[in-house]
């Protein structure tokens, strides 16, 4: 039977050195892999942060603000007095980018003491570049709350007809370009028209939210004052 070789002290020290080197190399490889994972996660987080910041900046620079008096109208002279529609003039905030107000890219939320609608926006009314009043705009909208089209108009030859649905429209009182985009120097008007059961009365709290795509939300909250005239100042 062959005899096992007997290792000298120097040989044993050499083997231990090789084992230590192997262990060290393994540690280095593992540490490098972990460092890569950490760096990769850091880069991913940085990219997400950059995207979030860019989206926030885009929303902040696409801001819309109230451009004047918020007014309502009550032409029916019924008791108790209630608003038939009300209008909010809007414009771009200082330094803001243009905002697209197409129906597909915009929503209008509305709620009061008793009702809530997620989106009542029917789009811009653009049969004319500009209008001088809500009534001239409503003369192009029928009682089904469709922009243009056929059928009885909400306002026609001095007669106001109550729509079948509570609806919101945007029209321009001051326009630079004849399109559905709110540009600098333009004034558009958000008008909300009420069906019979939704008309707000005195002291009702009403809130409208204009939600453009890629821009900040404009929230306008008012309490309906005492209605003593046809045109009601709601500021």
Foldseek 3Di string as FASTA:
>chain_A
DDDDDDDDPVVVVVVVVVVVVVVVVVVVVVVVVVVVVVVVVVVVVVVVVVVVVVLVVLQAQADKDFDDFKKFFFPPPDPPTFTQKIKTKMAGDPNHAKFFFAPVFKFKWKDWPPDTDGGQEQGEQQPDQADQDPLVSQQQACLCRHGHDDDHTCHDPRDGDAHPAWHKYKGWHADDDRDRMRHHPTMIMIMIGHHDVPTDGAQMKMWMWMGGHSYDIDIDIFGFHHDDDRMGTTD
